Amino acid sequence: MGVNVDHRTFVIVRELPGSPAHAFRFWSDHQLKRRWNACHPDWEVIEDSFDFRVDGGERMVWRMPDGTEQAMLAHFLEIAPRQRIVYAYAMRSGGESISSSLVTVELAGSGPGSTTMTFTEQAVFGNARDGDIRESGTGLGFDRLREAMSALSPSDAPPAP
């Protein structure tokens, strides 16, 4: 009997409105990140901590409508302001591991008022179906990021760290 493991790497590229500094704010500021990163309005937030610095972390714990707790536990490995973020994270559901991932977010100016974001996730899943859901859901999250950035002009956002 073998171990069921699904390794995968996926890359999502999005053109975002605004400069790399504006895009970076939506990753580095707790409140701005929640404008696009909160994807399940029917889940109760039990814990929400965010310490955006090298060796800092992010921790989100939710209770789903069926009572199951879901958690996202991240550790920031590398931060190059307005350019790149590297972090590792794990997802758990009901105390059981769903996945472990290494993520690189790259931000590059692509013209006046535009940024190309390249998101690369290298992940291991215990179930390939969870990987399919993650990849699709991540893309939907970046559609919300684009909308959130469009709704808030750079002058209204807090300064990037």
N, C-alpha and C. Protein backbone atom coordinates (compact mmCIF):
# COMPACT_ATOMS: atom_id res chain seq x y z
N MET A 1 0.84 -1.16 0.00
CA MET A 1 0.00 0.00 0.00
C MET A 1 0.89 1.24 0.00
N GLY A 2 0.70 2.13 -0.99
CA GLY A 2 1.52 3.33 -1.13
C GLY A 2 0.86 4.55 -0.50
N VAL A 3 1.61 5.60 -0.50
CA VAL A 3 1.13 6.88 0.01
C VAL A 3 0.55 7.67 -1.17
N ASN A 4 -0.62 8.23 -0.98
CA ASN A 4 -1.26 9.03 -2.01
C ASN A 4 -0.74 10.46 -1.92
N VAL A 5 0.05 10.89 -2.92
CA VAL A 5 0.62 12.23 -2.93
C VAL A 5 0.49 12.81 -4.34
N ASP A 6 0.06 14.05 -4.41
CA ASP A 6 -0.06 14.75 -5.69
C ASP A 6 0.83 15.98 -5.64
N HIS A 7 1.96 15.94 -6.35
CA HIS A 7 2.86 17.09 -6.46
C HIS A 7 2.42 17.89 -7.68
N ARG A 8 2.41 19.20 -7.53
CA ARG A 8 2.11 20.02 -8.70
C ARG A 8 2.67 21.42 -8.52
N THR A 9 2.96 22.02 -9.66
CA THR A 9 3.37 23.42 -9.72
C THR A 9 2.41 24.11 -10.67
N PHE A 10 1.91 25.26 -10.24
CA PHE A 10 1.10 26.04 -11.17
C PHE A 10 1.52 27.50 -11.10
N VAL A 11 1.36 28.17 -12.24
CA VAL A 11 1.73 29.57 -12.38
C VAL A 11 0.50 30.33 -12.87
N ILE A 12 0.20 31.42 -12.20
CA ILE A 12 -0.91 32.29 -12.60
C ILE A 12 -0.34 33.68 -12.81
N VAL A 13 -0.59 34.25 -13.99
CA VAL A 13 -0.13 35.59 -14.31
C VAL A 13 -1.36 36.49 -14.45
N ARG A 14 -1.29 37.65 -13.81
CA ARG A 14 -2.39 38.62 -13.89
C ARG A 14 -1.81 40.01 -14.14
N GLU A 15 -2.48 40.75 -15.00
CA GLU A 15 -2.19 42.18 -15.16
C GLU A 15 -3.04 42.91 -14.13
N LEU A 16 -2.38 43.72 -13.30
CA LEU A 16 -3.07 44.42 -12.22
C LEU A 16 -3.02 45.92 -12.46
N PRO A 17 -4.07 46.63 -12.04
CA PRO A 17 -4.07 48.09 -12.20
C PRO A 17 -3.19 48.74 -11.14
N GLY A 18 -2.36 49.67 -11.56
CA GLY A 18 -1.50 50.39 -10.62
C GLY A 18 -0.07 49.91 -10.68
N SER A 19 0.76 50.60 -9.94
CA SER A 19 2.19 50.34 -9.91
C SER A 19 2.50 49.08 -9.08
N PRO A 20 3.74 48.57 -9.19
CA PRO A 20 4.12 47.46 -8.30
C PRO A 20 3.98 47.83 -6.82
N ALA A 21 4.24 49.09 -6.46
CA ALA A 21 4.08 49.50 -5.06
C ALA A 21 2.62 49.39 -4.63
N HIS A 22 1.70 49.76 -5.50
CA HIS A 22 0.27 49.66 -5.19
C HIS A 22 -0.12 48.19 -5.03
N ALA A 23 0.36 47.34 -5.93
CA ALA A 23 0.05 45.91 -5.85
C ALA A 23 0.64 45.30 -4.57
N PHE A 24 1.85 45.70 -4.23
CA PHE A 24 2.52 45.17 -3.04
C PHE A 24 1.72 45.48 -1.78
N ARG A 25 1.09 46.64 -1.74
CA ARG A 25 0.27 47.01 -0.57
C ARG A 25 -0.83 45.99 -0.31
N PHE A 26 -1.39 45.44 -1.37
CA PHE A 26 -2.51 44.51 -1.22
C PHE A 26 -2.05 43.13 -0.76
N TRP A 27 -0.76 42.91 -0.72
CA TRP A 27 -0.18 41.70 -0.14
C TRP A 27 0.36 41.96 1.27
N SER A 28 0.84 43.19 1.51
CA SER A 28 1.57 43.48 2.74
C SER A 28 0.74 44.13 3.84
N ASP A 29 -0.40 44.71 3.50
CA ASP A 29 -1.25 45.36 4.49
C ASP A 29 -2.41 44.42 4.85
N HIS A 30 -2.55 44.13 6.12
CA HIS A 30 -3.54 43.16 6.60
C HIS A 30 -4.95 43.48 6.09
N GLN A 31 -5.41 44.70 6.29
CA GLN A 31 -6.78 45.05 5.91
C GLN A 31 -6.97 45.02 4.39
N LEU A 32 -5.98 45.49 3.64
CA LEU A 32 -6.10 45.45 2.18
C LEU A 32 -6.09 44.02 1.67
N LYS A 33 -5.29 43.16 2.29
CA LYS A 33 -5.27 41.76 1.85
C LYS A 33 -6.62 41.10 2.08
N ARG A 34 -7.26 41.41 3.19
CA ARG A 34 -8.56 40.80 3.48
C ARG A 34 -9.65 41.26 2.51
N ARG A 35 -9.46 42.39 1.85
CA ARG A 35 -10.45 42.86 0.86
C ARG A 35 -10.58 41.90 -0.32
N TRP A 36 -9.51 41.17 -0.62
CA TRP A 36 -9.57 40.27 -1.77
C TRP A 36 -9.33 38.81 -1.39
N ASN A 37 -8.74 38.57 -0.23
CA ASN A 37 -8.32 37.22 0.13
C ASN A 37 -9.38 36.44 0.91
N ALA A 38 -10.38 37.14 1.44
CA ALA A 38 -11.45 36.47 2.19
C ALA A 38 -12.46 35.93 1.17
N CYS A 39 -12.49 34.61 1.00
CA CYS A 39 -13.26 34.04 -0.11
C CYS A 39 -14.50 33.25 0.30
N HIS A 40 -14.73 33.08 1.58
CA HIS A 40 -15.88 32.29 2.01
C HIS A 40 -16.68 33.10 3.04
N PRO A 41 -17.59 33.95 2.59
CA PRO A 41 -18.31 34.81 3.54
C PRO A 41 -19.17 34.05 4.55
N ASP A 42 -19.48 32.78 4.26
CA ASP A 42 -20.30 32.00 5.19
C ASP A 42 -19.45 31.25 6.23
N TRP A 43 -18.12 31.40 6.20
CA TRP A 43 -17.25 30.77 7.18
C TRP A 43 -16.97 31.77 8.30
N GLU A 44 -17.07 31.32 9.54
CA GLU A 44 -16.79 32.16 10.70
C GLU A 44 -15.27 32.23 10.93
N VAL A 45 -14.75 33.45 11.02
CA VAL A 45 -13.32 33.63 11.30
C VAL A 45 -13.10 33.44 12.80
N ILE A 46 -12.26 32.47 13.17
CA ILE A 46 -11.95 32.18 14.56
C ILE A 46 -10.65 32.87 14.95
N GLU A 47 -9.69 32.89 14.02
CA GLU A 47 -8.40 33.52 14.29
C GLU A 47 -7.89 34.17 13.01
N ASP A 48 -7.31 35.36 13.15
CA ASP A 48 -6.78 36.10 12.01
C ASP A 48 -5.59 36.91 12.48
N SER A 49 -4.38 36.41 12.25
CA SER A 49 -3.18 37.15 12.61
C SER A 49 -2.31 37.33 11.38
N PHE A 50 -1.58 38.45 11.35
CA PHE A 50 -0.81 38.82 10.17
C PHE A 50 0.41 39.62 10.61
N ASP A 51 1.60 39.07 10.39
CA ASP A 51 2.85 39.70 10.78
C ASP A 51 3.75 39.67 9.54
N PHE A 52 3.62 40.71 8.71
CA PHE A 52 4.28 40.73 7.40
C PHE A 52 5.72 41.23 7.55
N ARG A 53 6.61 40.29 7.73
CA ARG A 53 8.05 40.54 7.79
C ARG A 53 8.73 39.19 7.59
N VAL A 54 10.01 39.23 7.21
CA VAL A 54 10.76 37.98 7.09
C VAL A 54 10.74 37.29 8.45
N ASP A 55 10.42 36.03 8.46
CA ASP A 55 10.23 35.18 9.64
C ASP A 55 8.93 35.47 10.37
N GLY A 56 8.10 36.36 9.84
CA GLY A 56 6.76 36.57 10.38
C GLY A 56 5.82 35.57 9.75
N GLY A 57 4.54 35.70 10.06
CA GLY A 57 3.60 34.74 9.52
C GLY A 57 2.20 35.27 9.41
N GLU A 58 1.38 34.43 8.85
CA GLU A 58 -0.05 34.70 8.72
C GLU A 58 -0.77 33.44 9.15
N ARG A 59 -1.82 33.62 9.93
CA ARG A 59 -2.59 32.48 10.43
C ARG A 59 -4.07 32.83 10.34
N MET A 60 -4.79 32.00 9.61
CA MET A 60 -6.24 32.15 9.51
C MET A 60 -6.87 30.81 9.91
N VAL A 61 -7.85 30.89 10.79
CA VAL A 61 -8.61 29.69 11.17
C VAL A 61 -10.08 30.06 11.03
N TRP A 62 -10.83 29.20 10.34
CA TRP A 62 -12.26 29.42 10.11
C TRP A 62 -13.06 28.22 10.61
N ARG A 63 -14.32 28.46 10.86
CA ARG A 63 -15.27 27.37 11.12
C ARG A 63 -16.26 27.39 9.96
N MET A 64 -16.32 26.27 9.26
CA MET A 64 -17.22 26.14 8.13
C MET A 64 -18.64 25.91 8.65
N PRO A 65 -19.66 26.10 7.82
CA PRO A 65 -21.04 25.93 8.28
C PRO A 65 -21.33 24.56 8.89
N ASP A 66 -20.59 23.52 8.47
CA ASP A 66 -20.82 22.17 9.03
C ASP A 66 -20.08 21.97 10.35
N GLY A 67 -19.35 23.02 10.82
CA GLY A 67 -18.62 22.94 12.09
C GLY A 67 -17.16 22.56 11.96
N THR A 68 -16.72 22.14 10.78
CA THR A 68 -15.32 21.78 10.56
C THR A 68 -14.44 23.02 10.60
N GLU A 69 -13.30 22.91 11.28
CA GLU A 69 -12.35 24.01 11.29
C GLU A 69 -11.34 23.83 10.16
N GLN A 70 -11.06 24.93 9.48
CA GLN A 70 -10.10 24.96 8.39
C GLN A 70 -9.03 25.98 8.78
N ALA A 71 -7.76 25.70 8.49
CA ALA A 71 -6.68 26.60 8.87
C ALA A 71 -5.70 26.79 7.72
N MET A 72 -5.16 28.02 7.64
CA MET A 72 -4.08 28.37 6.73
C MET A 72 -2.97 28.95 7.60
N LEU A 73 -1.78 28.33 7.54
CA LEU A 73 -0.65 28.71 8.38
C LEU A 73 0.52 29.04 7.46
N ALA A 74 0.94 30.31 7.43
CA ALA A 74 1.99 30.75 6.51
C ALA A 74 3.20 31.30 7.25
N HIS A 75 4.35 31.20 6.60
CA HIS A 75 5.61 31.72 7.13
C HIS A 75 6.31 32.48 6.00
N PHE A 76 6.60 33.78 6.23
CA PHE A 76 7.25 34.60 5.21
C PHE A 76 8.75 34.35 5.22
N LEU A 77 9.28 33.93 4.08
CA LEU A 77 10.68 33.57 3.95
C LEU A 77 11.53 34.69 3.35
N GLU A 78 10.96 35.41 2.40
CA GLU A 78 11.71 36.46 1.70
C GLU A 78 10.74 37.56 1.29
N ILE A 79 11.14 38.80 1.54
CA ILE A 79 10.32 39.95 1.14
C ILE A 79 11.24 40.99 0.51
N ALA A 80 11.02 41.29 -0.75
CA ALA A 80 11.71 42.37 -1.46
C ALA A 80 10.62 43.38 -1.80
N PRO A 81 10.48 44.45 -1.00
CA PRO A 81 9.36 45.38 -1.18
C PRO A 81 9.15 45.80 -2.63
N ARG A 82 7.89 45.73 -3.05
CA ARG A 82 7.44 46.14 -4.38
C ARG A 82 7.96 45.25 -5.50
N GLN A 83 8.62 44.10 -5.14
CA GLN A 83 9.18 43.21 -6.16
C GLN A 83 8.80 41.75 -5.99
N ARG A 84 8.98 41.21 -4.75
CA ARG A 84 8.84 39.76 -4.60
C ARG A 84 8.50 39.41 -3.15
N ILE A 85 7.68 38.36 -3.01
CA ILE A 85 7.34 37.78 -1.71
C ILE A 85 7.47 36.27 -1.87
N VAL A 86 8.16 35.64 -0.94
CA VAL A 86 8.26 34.18 -0.93
C VAL A 86 7.76 33.71 0.44
N TYR A 87 6.83 32.76 0.41
CA TYR A 87 6.31 32.23 1.67
C TYR A 87 5.97 30.75 1.51
N ALA A 88 5.96 30.08 2.65
CA ALA A 88 5.54 28.68 2.70
C ALA A 88 4.25 28.65 3.51
N TYR A 89 3.34 27.75 3.13
CA TYR A 89 2.11 27.64 3.92
C TYR A 89 1.53 26.24 3.87
N ALA A 90 0.75 25.95 4.90
CA ALA A 90 0.06 24.67 5.01
C ALA A 90 -1.43 24.95 5.18
N MET A 91 -2.23 24.06 4.62
CA MET A 91 -3.69 24.11 4.80
C MET A 91 -4.11 22.85 5.54
N ARG A 92 -5.03 23.04 6.51
CA ARG A 92 -5.55 21.91 7.28
C ARG A 92 -7.05 22.01 7.34
N SER A 93 -7.69 20.87 7.41
CA SER A 93 -9.14 20.81 7.58
C SER A 93 -9.44 19.73 8.61
N GLY A 94 -10.17 20.12 9.65
CA GLY A 94 -10.48 19.17 10.72
C GLY A 94 -9.24 18.60 11.36
N GLY A 95 -8.15 19.37 11.39
CA GLY A 95 -6.90 18.92 12.00
C GLY A 95 -6.03 18.08 11.08
N GLU A 96 -6.53 17.72 9.90
CA GLU A 96 -5.78 16.90 8.95
C GLU A 96 -5.16 17.78 7.86
N SER A 97 -3.96 17.43 7.44
CA SER A 97 -3.27 18.19 6.40
C SER A 97 -3.98 18.04 5.05
N ILE A 98 -4.15 19.16 4.37
CA ILE A 98 -4.66 19.16 2.99
C ILE A 98 -3.48 19.33 2.04
N SER A 99 -2.58 20.30 2.39
CA SER A 99 -1.48 20.61 1.49
C SER A 99 -0.37 21.35 2.22
N SER A 100 0.81 21.35 1.58
CA SER A 100 1.95 22.17 1.97
C SER A 100 2.49 22.78 0.69
N SER A 101 2.82 24.09 0.76
CA SER A 101 3.19 24.80 -0.46
C SER A 101 4.33 25.78 -0.24
N LEU A 102 5.05 26.05 -1.33
CA LEU A 102 6.01 27.14 -1.40
C LEU A 102 5.52 28.06 -2.51
N VAL A 103 5.40 29.37 -2.20
CA VAL A 103 4.84 30.33 -3.14
C VAL A 103 5.82 31.47 -3.38
N THR A 104 5.92 31.89 -4.64
CA THR A 104 6.66 33.09 -5.00
C THR A 104 5.69 34.02 -5.73
N VAL A 105 5.62 35.27 -5.26
CA VAL A 105 4.82 36.31 -5.91
C VAL A 105 5.81 37.32 -6.46
N GLU A 106 5.78 37.55 -7.77
CA GLU A 106 6.66 38.52 -8.40
C GLU A 106 5.83 39.65 -8.98
N LEU A 107 6.28 40.89 -8.76
CA LEU A 107 5.59 42.07 -9.24
C LEU A 107 6.53 42.86 -10.13
N ALA A 108 6.09 43.17 -11.35
CA ALA A 108 6.93 43.92 -12.29
C ALA A 108 6.08 44.94 -13.03
N GLY A 109 6.57 46.17 -13.10
CA GLY A 109 5.87 47.19 -13.87
C GLY A 109 5.77 46.75 -15.32
N SER A 110 4.60 46.98 -15.90
CA SER A 110 4.39 46.53 -17.28
C SER A 110 3.82 47.66 -18.14
N GLY A 111 4.08 48.88 -17.77
CA GLY A 111 3.58 50.02 -18.50
C GLY A 111 3.00 51.03 -17.52
N PRO A 112 2.62 52.16 -18.01
CA PRO A 112 2.07 53.19 -17.11
C PRO A 112 0.82 52.68 -16.40
N GLY A 113 0.88 52.67 -15.09
CA GLY A 113 -0.29 52.28 -14.30
C GLY A 113 -0.65 50.81 -14.38
N SER A 114 0.32 49.94 -14.66
CA SER A 114 0.03 48.52 -14.79
C SER A 114 1.18 47.68 -14.21
N THR A 115 0.80 46.57 -13.59
CA THR A 115 1.78 45.65 -13.00
C THR A 115 1.46 44.23 -13.44
N THR A 116 2.49 43.50 -13.82
CA THR A 116 2.33 42.08 -14.08
C THR A 116 2.68 41.34 -12.79
N MET A 117 1.74 40.56 -12.29
CA MET A 117 1.96 39.72 -11.12
C MET A 117 2.10 38.29 -11.61
N THR A 118 3.19 37.63 -11.23
CA THR A 118 3.39 36.21 -11.52
C THR A 118 3.41 35.47 -10.20
N PHE A 119 2.45 34.58 -10.04
CA PHE A 119 2.28 33.79 -8.82
C PHE A 119 2.65 32.35 -9.16
N THR A 120 3.64 31.81 -8.46
CA THR A 120 4.06 30.42 -8.69
C THR A 120 3.90 29.65 -7.39
N GLU A 121 3.14 28.57 -7.45
CA GLU A 121 2.93 27.73 -6.27
C GLU A 121 3.43 26.32 -6.57
N GLN A 122 4.31 25.83 -5.70
CA GLN A 122 4.78 24.45 -5.75
C GLN A 122 4.14 23.77 -4.54
N ALA A 123 3.34 22.76 -4.79
CA ALA A 123 2.53 22.21 -3.70
C ALA A 123 2.54 20.69 -3.71
N VAL A 124 2.23 20.15 -2.53
CA VAL A 124 1.99 18.72 -2.40
C VAL A 124 0.63 18.57 -1.73
N PHE A 125 -0.22 17.75 -2.33
CA PHE A 125 -1.56 17.49 -1.83
C PHE A 125 -1.71 16.00 -1.55
N GLY A 126 -2.49 15.67 -0.57
CA GLY A 126 -2.80 14.28 -0.31
C GLY A 126 -3.86 13.76 -1.26
N ASN A 127 -4.59 14.67 -1.91
CA ASN A 127 -5.68 14.31 -2.80
C ASN A 127 -5.63 15.25 -4.00
N ALA A 128 -5.55 14.70 -5.20
CA ALA A 128 -5.45 15.52 -6.41
C ALA A 128 -6.64 16.47 -6.56
N ARG A 129 -7.81 16.06 -6.09
CA ARG A 129 -9.00 16.92 -6.18
C ARG A 129 -8.78 18.23 -5.42
N ASP A 130 -8.11 18.16 -4.26
CA ASP A 130 -7.81 19.38 -3.50
C ASP A 130 -6.90 20.30 -4.30
N GLY A 131 -5.97 19.74 -5.06
CA GLY A 131 -5.10 20.54 -5.91
C GLY A 131 -5.87 21.26 -7.00
N ASP A 132 -6.83 20.57 -7.60
CA ASP A 132 -7.66 21.19 -8.64
C ASP A 132 -8.46 22.36 -8.07
N ILE A 133 -9.02 22.14 -6.88
CA ILE A 133 -9.80 23.19 -6.22
C ILE A 133 -8.91 24.38 -5.89
N ARG A 134 -7.70 24.12 -5.36
CA ARG A 134 -6.78 25.21 -5.00
C ARG A 134 -6.42 26.05 -6.21
N GLU A 135 -6.04 25.39 -7.29
CA GLU A 135 -5.60 26.12 -8.47
C GLU A 135 -6.72 27.01 -9.01
N SER A 136 -7.92 26.48 -9.10
CA SER A 136 -9.06 27.25 -9.58
C SER A 136 -9.40 28.39 -8.62
N GLY A 137 -9.44 28.09 -7.33
CA GLY A 137 -9.78 29.10 -6.33
C GLY A 137 -8.76 30.22 -6.25
N THR A 138 -7.49 29.90 -6.44
CA THR A 138 -6.45 30.92 -6.43
C THR A 138 -6.66 31.91 -7.57
N GLY A 139 -6.98 31.40 -8.73
CA GLY A 139 -7.27 32.29 -9.86
C GLY A 139 -8.44 33.21 -9.59
N LEU A 140 -9.50 32.66 -8.98
CA LEU A 140 -10.66 33.50 -8.63
C LEU A 140 -10.27 34.57 -7.62
N GLY A 141 -9.40 34.22 -6.68
CA GLY A 141 -8.92 35.20 -5.71
C GLY A 141 -8.19 36.35 -6.39
N PHE A 142 -7.43 36.06 -7.43
CA PHE A 142 -6.72 37.12 -8.12
C PHE A 142 -7.65 38.00 -8.94
N ASP A 143 -8.79 37.47 -9.37
CA ASP A 143 -9.80 38.32 -9.99
C ASP A 143 -10.33 39.31 -8.96
N ARG A 144 -10.53 38.84 -7.70
CA ARG A 144 -10.95 39.75 -6.62
C ARG A 144 -9.87 40.77 -6.31
N LEU A 145 -8.59 40.36 -6.38
CA LEU A 145 -7.49 41.29 -6.15
C LEU A 145 -7.55 42.43 -7.18
N ARG A 146 -7.73 42.09 -8.43
CA ARG A 146 -7.80 43.11 -9.48
C ARG A 146 -8.94 44.09 -9.20
N GLU A 147 -10.10 43.56 -8.80
CA GLU A 147 -11.25 44.42 -8.48
C GLU A 147 -10.96 45.31 -7.28
N ALA A 148 -10.35 44.76 -6.24
CA ALA A 148 -10.04 45.54 -5.04
C ALA A 148 -9.04 46.65 -5.36
N MET A 149 -8.05 46.34 -6.17
CA MET A 149 -7.06 47.36 -6.54
C MET A 149 -7.69 48.46 -7.38
N SER A 150 -8.61 48.10 -8.26
CA SER A 150 -9.29 49.09 -9.09
C SER A 150 -10.15 50.02 -8.26
N ALA A 151 -10.73 49.48 -7.18
CA ALA A 151 -11.64 50.26 -6.33
C ALA A 151 -10.93 51.24 -5.41
N LEU A 152 -9.64 51.06 -5.21
CA LEU A 152 -8.88 51.90 -4.27
C LEU A 152 -7.71 52.52 -5.00
N SER A 153 -7.75 53.83 -5.15
CA SER A 153 -6.63 54.49 -5.86
C SER A 153 -5.39 54.43 -4.99
N PRO A 154 -4.21 54.47 -5.63
CA PRO A 154 -2.96 54.41 -4.87
C PRO A 154 -2.87 55.48 -3.77
N SER A 155 -3.45 56.64 -4.00
CA SER A 155 -3.35 57.71 -2.99
C SER A 155 -4.21 57.42 -1.77
N ASP A 156 -5.22 56.55 -1.90
CA ASP A 156 -6.08 56.19 -0.78
C ASP A 156 -5.52 55.06 0.06
N ALA A 157 -4.58 54.31 -0.50
CA ALA A 157 -4.03 53.15 0.20
C ALA A 157 -2.92 53.58 1.15
N PRO A 158 -2.73 52.84 2.23
CA PRO A 158 -1.61 53.15 3.12
C PRO A 158 -0.30 52.94 2.40
N PRO A 159 0.79 53.62 2.81
CA PRO A 159 2.07 53.45 2.11
C PRO A 159 2.58 52.02 2.23
N ALA A 160 3.26 51.60 1.18
CA ALA A 160 3.86 50.27 1.19
C ALA A 160 5.04 50.24 2.15
N PRO A 161 5.23 49.13 2.84
CA PRO A 161 6.38 49.03 3.77
C PRO A 161 7.71 49.09 3.05
